[in-house]
Amino acid sequence: RRERLRQSSRPEHQPGASPRIYLDTYIDELEHI
């Protein structure tokens, strides 16, 4: 997931966009787990 975000230039993957908020939270929670 981190690699996909790093490589993505899609607007919805920019910080603050809803899909980015989802992915950042998803990754953070997996790290917590």
All heavy atoms as atom14 arrays in JSON, in Angstrom:
{
  "sequence": "RRERLRQSSRPEHQPGASPRIYLDTYIDELEHI",
  "atom14_mask": [
    [1, 1, 1, 1, 1, 1, 1, 1, 1, 1, 1, 0, 0, 0],
    [1, 1, 1, 1, 1, 1, 1, 1, 1, 1, 1, 0, 0, 0],
    [1, 1, 1, 1, 1, 1, 1, 1, 1, 0, 0, 0, 0, 0],
    [1, 1, 1, 1, 1, 1, 1, 1, 1, 1, 1, 0, 0, 0],
    [1, 1, 1, 1, 1, 1, 1, 1, 0, 0, 0, 0, 0, 0],
    [1, 1, 1, 1, 1, 1, 1, 1, 1, 1, 1, 0, 0, 0],
    [1, 1, 1, 1, 1, 1, 1, 1, 1, 0, 0, 0, 0, 0],
    [1, 1, 1, 1, 1, 1, 0, 0, 0, 0, 0, 0, 0, 0],
    [1, 1, 1, 1, 1, 1, 0, 0, 0, 0, 0, 0, 0, 0],
    [1, 1, 1, 1, 1, 1, 1, 1, 1, 1, 1, 0, 0, 0],
    [1, 1, 1, 1, 1, 1, 1, 0, 0, 0, 0, 0, 0, 0],
    [1, 1, 1, 1, 1, 1, 1, 1, 1, 0, 0, 0, 0, 0],
    [1, 1, 1, 1, 1, 1, 1, 1, 1, 1, 0, 0, 0, 0],
    [1, 1, 1, 1, 1, 1, 1, 1, 1, 0, 0, 0, 0, 0],
    [1, 1, 1, 1, 1, 1, 1, 0, 0, 0, 0, 0, 0, 0],
    [1, 1, 1, 1, 0, 0, 0, 0, 0, 0, 0, 0, 0, 0],
    [1, 1, 1, 1, 1, 0, 0, 0, 0, 0, 0, 0, 0, 0],
    [1, 1, 1, 1, 1, 1, 0, 0, 0, 0, 0, 0, 0, 0],
    [1, 1, 1, 1, 1, 1, 1, 0, 0, 0, 0, 0, 0, 0],
    [1, 1, 1, 1, 1, 1, 1, 1, 1, 1, 1, 0, 0, 0],
    [1, 1, 1, 1, 1, 1, 1, 1, 0, 0, 0, 0, 0, 0],
    [1, 1, 1, 1, 1, 1, 1, 1, 1, 1, 1, 1, 0, 0],
    [1, 1, 1, 1, 1, 1, 1, 1, 0, 0, 0, 0, 0, 0],
    [1, 1, 1, 1, 1, 1, 1, 1, 0, 0, 0, 0, 0, 0],
    [1, 1, 1, 1, 1, 1, 1, 0, 0, 0, 0, 0, 0, 0],
    [1, 1, 1, 1, 1, 1, 1, 1, 1, 1, 1, 1, 0, 0],
    [1, 1, 1, 1, 1, 1, 1, 1, 0, 0, 0, 0, 0, 0],
    [1, 1, 1, 1, 1, 1, 1, 1, 0, 0, 0, 0, 0, 0],
    [1, 1, 1, 1, 1, 1, 1, 1, 1, 0, 0, 0, 0, 0],
    [1, 1, 1, 1, 1, 1, 1, 1, 0, 0, 0, 0, 0, 0],
    [1, 1, 1, 1, 1, 1, 1, 1, 1, 0, 0, 0, 0, 0],
    [1, 1, 1, 1, 1, 1, 1, 1, 1, 1, 0, 0, 0, 0],
    [1, 1, 1, 1, 1, 1, 1, 1, 0, 0, 0, 0, 0, 0]
  ],
  "atom14_positions": [
    [[0.83, -1.21, 0.0], [0.0, 0.0, 0.0], [0.86, 1.26, 0.0], [0.55, 2.23, -0.69], [-0.95, 0.01, 1.2], [-1.99, -1.08, 1.17], [-2.9, -0.94, -0.05], [-3.88, -1.99, -0.1], [-5.18, -1.8, -0.04], [-5.68, -0.58, 0.07], [-6.0, -2.83, -0.11], [0.0, 0.0, 0.0], [0.0, 0.0, 0.0], [0.0, 0.0, 0.0]],
    [[1.95, 1.26, 0.77], [2.85, 2.43, 0.78], [3.48, 2.65, -0.6], [3.59, 3.78, -1.05], [3.94, 2.26, 1.81], [3.48, 2.53, 3.19], [4.65, 2.44, 4.14], [4.1, 2.42, 5.47], [4.24, 3.39, 6.33], [4.94, 4.43, 6.02], [3.69, 3.32, 7.51], [0.0, 0.0, 0.0], [0.0, 0.0, 0.0], [0.0, 0.0, 0.0]],
    [[3.88, 1.56, -1.23], [4.5, 1.66, -2.54], [3.5, 2.2, -3.57], [3.85, 3.05, -4.39], [5.04, 0.3, -2.97], [5.84, 0.33, -4.24], [7.1, 1.17, -4.15], [7.61, 1.39, -3.04], [7.57, 1.62, -5.21], [0.0, 0.0, 0.0], [0.0, 0.0, 0.0], [0.0, 0.0, 0.0], [0.0, 0.0, 0.0], [0.0, 0.0, 0.0]],
    [[2.28, 1.72, -3.52], [1.25, 2.24, -4.44], [1.04, 3.73, -4.25], [0.91, 4.48, -5.22], [-0.07, 1.51, -4.22], [-0.1, 0.12, -4.76], [-1.49, -0.42, -4.63], [-1.51, -1.87, -4.65], [-2.62, -2.56, -4.57], [-3.78, -1.96, -4.45], [-2.57, -3.87, -4.61], [0.0, 0.0, 0.0], [0.0, 0.0, 0.0], [0.0, 0.0, 0.0]],
    [[0.99, 4.16, -3.0], [0.81, 5.6, -2.74], [2.02, 6.39, -3.23], [1.87, 7.47, -3.81], [0.62, 5.86, -1.24], [-0.77, 5.62, -0.69], [-0.78, 5.84, 0.81], [-1.8, 6.52, -1.36], [0.0, 0.0, 0.0], [0.0, 0.0, 0.0], [0.0, 0.0, 0.0], [0.0, 0.0, 0.0], [0.0, 0.0, 0.0], [0.0, 0.0, 0.0]],
    [[3.19, 5.87, -2.98], [4.42, 6.56, -3.39], [4.48, 6.74, -4.9], [4.9, 7.78, -5.4], [5.65, 5.8, -2.89], [6.95, 6.56, -3.05], [8.14, 5.73, -2.62], [8.41, 4.6, -3.5], [8.93, 4.69, -4.73], [9.2, 5.86, -5.25], [9.16, 3.61, -5.44], [0.0, 0.0, 0.0], [0.0, 0.0, 0.0], [0.0, 0.0, 0.0]],
    [[4.05, 5.73, -5.63], [4.13, 5.77, -7.08], [2.95, 6.47, -7.74], [3.01, 6.82, -8.91], [4.23, 4.35, -7.64], [5.51, 3.67, -7.3], [5.57, 2.25, -7.84], [4.61, 1.73, -8.37], [6.72, 1.62, -7.69], [0.0, 0.0, 0.0], [0.0, 0.0, 0.0], [0.0, 0.0, 0.0], [0.0, 0.0, 0.0], [0.0, 0.0, 0.0]],
    [[1.9, 6.71, -7.0], [0.68, 7.27, -7.58], [0.77, 8.78, -7.76], [1.24, 9.49, -6.88], [-0.52, 6.96, -6.7], [-1.68, 7.52, -7.25], [0.0, 0.0, 0.0], [0.0, 0.0, 0.0], [0.0, 0.0, 0.0], [0.0, 0.0, 0.0], [0.0, 0.0, 0.0], [0.0, 0.0, 0.0], [0.0, 0.0, 0.0], [0.0, 0.0, 0.0]],
    [[0.32, 9.21, -8.9], [0.19, 10.66, -9.13], [-1.28, 11.04, -9.26], [-1.6, 12.17, -9.62], [0.96, 11.05, -10.4], [0.43, 10.36, -11.51], [0.0, 0.0, 0.0], [0.0, 0.0, 0.0], [0.0, 0.0, 0.0], [0.0, 0.0, 0.0], [0.0, 0.0, 0.0], [0.0, 0.0, 0.0], [0.0, 0.0, 0.0], [0.0, 0.0, 0.0]],
    [[-2.15, 10.1, -8.94], [-3.59, 10.35, -9.04], [-4.02, 11.39, -8.01], [-3.57, 11.36, -6.87], [-4.35, 9.05, -8.85], [-4.06, 8.04, -9.96], [-4.58, 6.67, -9.69], [-5.99, 6.68, -9.32], [-6.64, 5.59, -8.98], [-6.05, 4.41, -8.98], [-7.92, 5.65, -8.65], [0.0, 0.0, 0.0], [0.0, 0.0, 0.0], [0.0, 0.0, 0.0]],
    [[-4.89, 12.32, -8.4], [-5.32, 13.38, -7.48], [-5.94, 12.84, -6.19], [-5.75, 13.42, -5.12], [-6.36, 14.16, -8.28], [-6.14, 13.81, -9.7], [-5.48, 12.46, -9.72], [0.0, 0.0, 0.0], [0.0, 0.0, 0.0], [0.0, 0.0, 0.0], [0.0, 0.0, 0.0], [0.0, 0.0, 0.0], [0.0, 0.0, 0.0], [0.0, 0.0, 0.0]],
    [[-6.65, 11.72, -6.27], [-7.29, 11.19, -5.07], [-6.29, 10.6, -4.08], [-6.64, 10.28, -2.96], [-8.37, 10.16, -5.42], [-7.88, 8.95, -6.13], [-7.95, 9.04, -7.65], [-8.02, 10.15, -8.2], [-7.96, 7.99, -8.28], [0.0, 0.0, 0.0], [0.0, 0.0, 0.0], [0.0, 0.0, 0.0], [0.0, 0.0, 0.0], [0.0, 0.0, 0.0]],
    [[-5.03, 10.45, -4.5], [-4.01, 9.95, -3.58], [-3.15, 11.07, -2.99], [-2.17, 10.8, -2.31], [-3.13, 8.92, -4.28], [-3.86, 7.63, -4.52], [-3.43, 6.7, -5.42], [-4.99, 7.12, -3.97], [-4.26, 5.67, -5.42], [-5.21, 5.91, -4.56], [0.0, 0.0, 0.0], [0.0, 0.0, 0.0], [0.0, 0.0, 0.0], [0.0, 0.0, 0.0]],
    [[-3.54, 12.3, -3.23], [-2.83, 13.42, -2.65], [-3.29, 13.61, -1.21], [-4.45, 13.34, -0.87], [-3.08, 14.7, -3.47], [-2.6, 14.58, -4.91], [-1.15, 14.14, -5.02], [-0.27, 14.71, -4.4], [-0.91, 13.11, -5.8], [0.0, 0.0, 0.0], [0.0, 0.0, 0.0], [0.0, 0.0, 0.0], [0.0, 0.0, 0.0], [0.0, 0.0, 0.0]],
    [[-2.4, 14.07, -0.33], [-2.78, 14.27, 1.08], [-4.04, 15.13, 1.2], [-4.2, 16.14, 0.5], [-1.57, 14.98, 1.67], [-0.42, 14.5, 0.83], [-1.0, 14.39, -0.56], [0.0, 0.0, 0.0], [0.0, 0.0, 0.0], [0.0, 0.0, 0.0], [0.0, 0.0, 0.0], [0.0, 0.0, 0.0], [0.0, 0.0, 0.0], [0.0, 0.0, 0.0]],
    [[-4.94, 14.69, 2.08], [-6.18, 15.42, 2.33], [-7.37, 14.9, 1.55], [-8.51, 15.16, 1.92], [0.0, 0.0, 0.0], [0.0, 0.0, 0.0], [0.0, 0.0, 0.0], [0.0, 0.0, 0.0], [0.0, 0.0, 0.0], [0.0, 0.0, 0.0], [0.0, 0.0, 0.0], [0.0, 0.0, 0.0], [0.0, 0.0, 0.0], [0.0, 0.0, 0.0]],
    [[-7.13, 14.18, 0.47], [-8.22, 13.61, -0.32], [-8.79, 12.4, 0.43], [-8.06, 11.69, 1.12], [-7.74, 13.2, -1.7], [0.0, 0.0, 0.0], [0.0, 0.0, 0.0], [0.0, 0.0, 0.0], [0.0, 0.0, 0.0], [0.0, 0.0, 0.0], [0.0, 0.0, 0.0], [0.0, 0.0, 0.0], [0.0, 0.0, 0.0], [0.0, 0.0, 0.0]],
    [[-10.07, 12.16, 0.3], [-10.72, 11.07, 1.04], [-10.06, 9.71, 0.85], [-9.83, 9.0, 1.83], [-12.2, 10.99, 0.68], [-12.86, 12.15, 1.11], [0.0, 0.0, 0.0], [0.0, 0.0, 0.0], [0.0, 0.0, 0.0], [0.0, 0.0, 0.0], [0.0, 0.0, 0.0], [0.0, 0.0, 0.0], [0.0, 0.0, 0.0], [0.0, 0.0, 0.0]],
    [[-9.74, 9.31, -0.4], [-9.07, 8.01, -0.54], [-7.71, 7.98, 0.17], [-7.31, 6.95, 0.7], [-8.91, 7.84, -2.05], [-10.01, 8.67, -2.63], [-10.1, 9.86, -1.7], [0.0, 0.0, 0.0], [0.0, 0.0, 0.0], [0.0, 0.0, 0.0], [0.0, 0.0, 0.0], [0.0, 0.0, 0.0], [0.0, 0.0, 0.0], [0.0, 0.0, 0.0]],
    [[-7.02, 9.1, 0.18], [-5.72, 9.15, 0.86], [-5.91, 9.06, 2.37], [-5.15, 8.39, 3.07], [-4.98, 10.44, 0.48], [-3.65, 10.62, 1.16], [-2.67, 9.48, 0.76], [-1.42, 9.61, 1.46], [-0.31, 10.11, 0.93], [-0.31, 10.54, -0.33], [0.79, 10.19, 1.62], [0.0, 0.0, 0.0], [0.0, 0.0, 0.0], [0.0, 0.0, 0.0]],
    [[-6.93, 9.73, 2.89], [-7.23, 9.64, 4.33], [-7.5, 8.19, 4.68], [-6.99, 7.67, 5.68], [-8.43, 10.53, 4.69], [-8.04, 12.01, 4.58], [-8.94, 10.21, 6.1], [-9.21, 12.97, 4.66], [0.0, 0.0, 0.0], [0.0, 0.0, 0.0], [0.0, 0.0, 0.0], [0.0, 0.0, 0.0], [0.0, 0.0, 0.0], [0.0, 0.0, 0.0]],
    [[-8.28, 7.51, 3.86], [-8.58, 6.09, 4.09], [-7.29, 5.27, 4.09], [-7.04, 4.49, 5.02], [-9.54, 5.57, 3.01], [-9.73, 4.08, 3.09], [-10.72, 3.53, 3.89], [-8.89, 3.21, 2.39], [-10.89, 2.16, 3.99], [-9.04, 1.84, 2.49], [-10.03, 1.32, 3.29], [-10.19, -0.04, 3.4], [0.0, 0.0, 0.0], [0.0, 0.0, 0.0]],
    [[-6.48, 5.42, 3.05], [-5.27, 4.6, 2.93], [-4.27, 4.89, 4.05], [-3.66, 3.96, 4.6], [-4.62, 4.82, 1.57], [-5.37, 4.18, 0.41], [-4.8, 4.65, -0.92], [-5.34, 2.68, 0.5], [0.0, 0.0, 0.0], [0.0, 0.0, 0.0], [0.0, 0.0, 0.0], [0.0, 0.0, 0.0], [0.0, 0.0, 0.0], [0.0, 0.0, 0.0]],
    [[-4.09, 6.16, 4.41], [-3.19, 6.5, 5.51], [-3.66, 5.86, 6.82], [-2.86, 5.31, 7.57], [-3.07, 8.01, 5.68], [-2.24, 8.67, 4.6], [-1.46, 7.98, 3.91], [-2.36, 9.9, 4.45], [0.0, 0.0, 0.0], [0.0, 0.0, 0.0], [0.0, 0.0, 0.0], [0.0, 0.0, 0.0], [0.0, 0.0, 0.0], [0.0, 0.0, 0.0]],
    [[-4.95, 5.92, 7.07], [-5.5, 5.34, 8.29], [-5.39, 3.82, 8.26], [-5.04, 3.2, 9.26], [-6.97, 5.77, 8.49], [-7.03, 7.2, 8.49], [-7.54, 5.23, 9.79], [0.0, 0.0, 0.0], [0.0, 0.0, 0.0], [0.0, 0.0, 0.0], [0.0, 0.0, 0.0], [0.0, 0.0, 0.0], [0.0, 0.0, 0.0], [0.0, 0.0, 0.0]],
    [[-5.67, 3.22, 7.11], [-5.57, 1.77, 6.95], [-4.14, 1.3, 7.25], [-3.93, 0.36, 8.02], [-5.98, 1.41, 5.53], [-5.91, -0.05, 5.17], [-6.86, -0.95, 5.62], [-4.89, -0.53, 4.34], [-6.81, -2.3, 5.27], [-4.84, -1.87, 3.99], [-5.79, -2.74, 4.46], [-5.73, -4.07, 4.1], [0.0, 0.0, 0.0], [0.0, 0.0, 0.0]],
    [[-3.17, 1.97, 6.67], [-1.76, 1.62, 6.88], [-1.38, 1.82, 8.35], [-0.74, 0.96, 8.96], [-0.85, 2.44, 5.95], [-1.05, 2.0, 4.5], [0.62, 2.3, 6.36], [-0.46, 2.95, 3.47], [0.0, 0.0, 0.0], [0.0, 0.0, 0.0], [0.0, 0.0, 0.0], [0.0, 0.0, 0.0], [0.0, 0.0, 0.0], [0.0, 0.0, 0.0]],
    [[-1.77, 2.95, 8.92], [-1.47, 3.23, 10.33], [-2.05, 2.16, 11.24], [-1.4, 1.71, 12.19], [-1.99, 4.6, 10.75], [-1.22, 5.76, 10.15], [-0.11, 5.54, 9.61], [-1.74, 6.89, 10.21], [0.0, 0.0, 0.0], [0.0, 0.0, 0.0], [0.0, 0.0, 0.0], [0.0, 0.0, 0.0], [0.0, 0.0, 0.0], [0.0, 0.0, 0.0]],
    [[-3.27, 1.74, 10.96], [-3.9, 0.73, 11.8], [-3.23, -0.62, 11.64], [-3.04, -1.35, 12.63], [-5.39, 0.63, 11.49], [-6.14, -0.26, 12.45], [-6.1, 0.19, 13.9], [-5.9, 1.39, 14.18], [-6.27, -0.68, 14.78], [0.0, 0.0, 0.0], [0.0, 0.0, 0.0], [0.0, 0.0, 0.0], [0.0, 0.0, 0.0], [0.0, 0.0, 0.0]],
    [[-2.84, -0.96, 10.42], [-2.1, -2.22, 10.24], [-0.78, -2.18, 11.01], [-0.39, -3.18, 11.62], [-1.83, -2.49, 8.76], [-3.03, -2.93, 7.92], [-2.62, -3.06, 6.45], [-3.61, -4.24, 8.42], [0.0, 0.0, 0.0], [0.0, 0.0, 0.0], [0.0, 0.0, 0.0], [0.0, 0.0, 0.0], [0.0, 0.0, 0.0], [0.0, 0.0, 0.0]],
    [[-0.11, -1.04, 11.01], [1.13, -0.91, 11.78], [0.86, -1.07, 13.27], [1.65, -1.69, 13.99], [1.81, 0.43, 11.49], [2.41, 0.48, 10.1], [2.97, 1.83, 9.75], [2.54, 2.85, 10.33], [3.86, 1.88, 8.88], [0.0, 0.0, 0.0], [0.0, 0.0, 0.0], [0.0, 0.0, 0.0], [0.0, 0.0, 0.0], [0.0, 0.0, 0.0]],
    [[-0.23, -0.52, 13.73], [-0.62, -0.67, 15.13], [-0.88, -2.14, 15.46], [-0.46, -2.64, 16.51], [-1.85, 0.19, 15.43], [-2.35, 0.07, 16.82], [-1.71, 0.63, 17.91], [-3.41, -0.59, 17.33], [-2.36, 0.33, 19.01], [-3.4, -0.41, 18.68], [0.0, 0.0, 0.0], [0.0, 0.0, 0.0], [0.0, 0.0, 0.0], [0.0, 0.0, 0.0]],
    [[-1.55, -2.83, 14.58], [-1.83, -4.25, 14.77], [-0.53, -5.04, 14.83], [-0.37, -5.92, 15.69], [-2.78, -4.77, 13.68], [-4.18, -4.16, 13.87], [-2.83, -6.3, 13.66], [-5.12, -4.36, 12.69], [0.0, 0.0, 0.0], [0.0, 0.0, 0.0], [0.0, 0.0, 0.0], [0.0, 0.0, 0.0], [0.0, 0.0, 0.0], [0.0, 0.0, 0.0]]
  ]
}
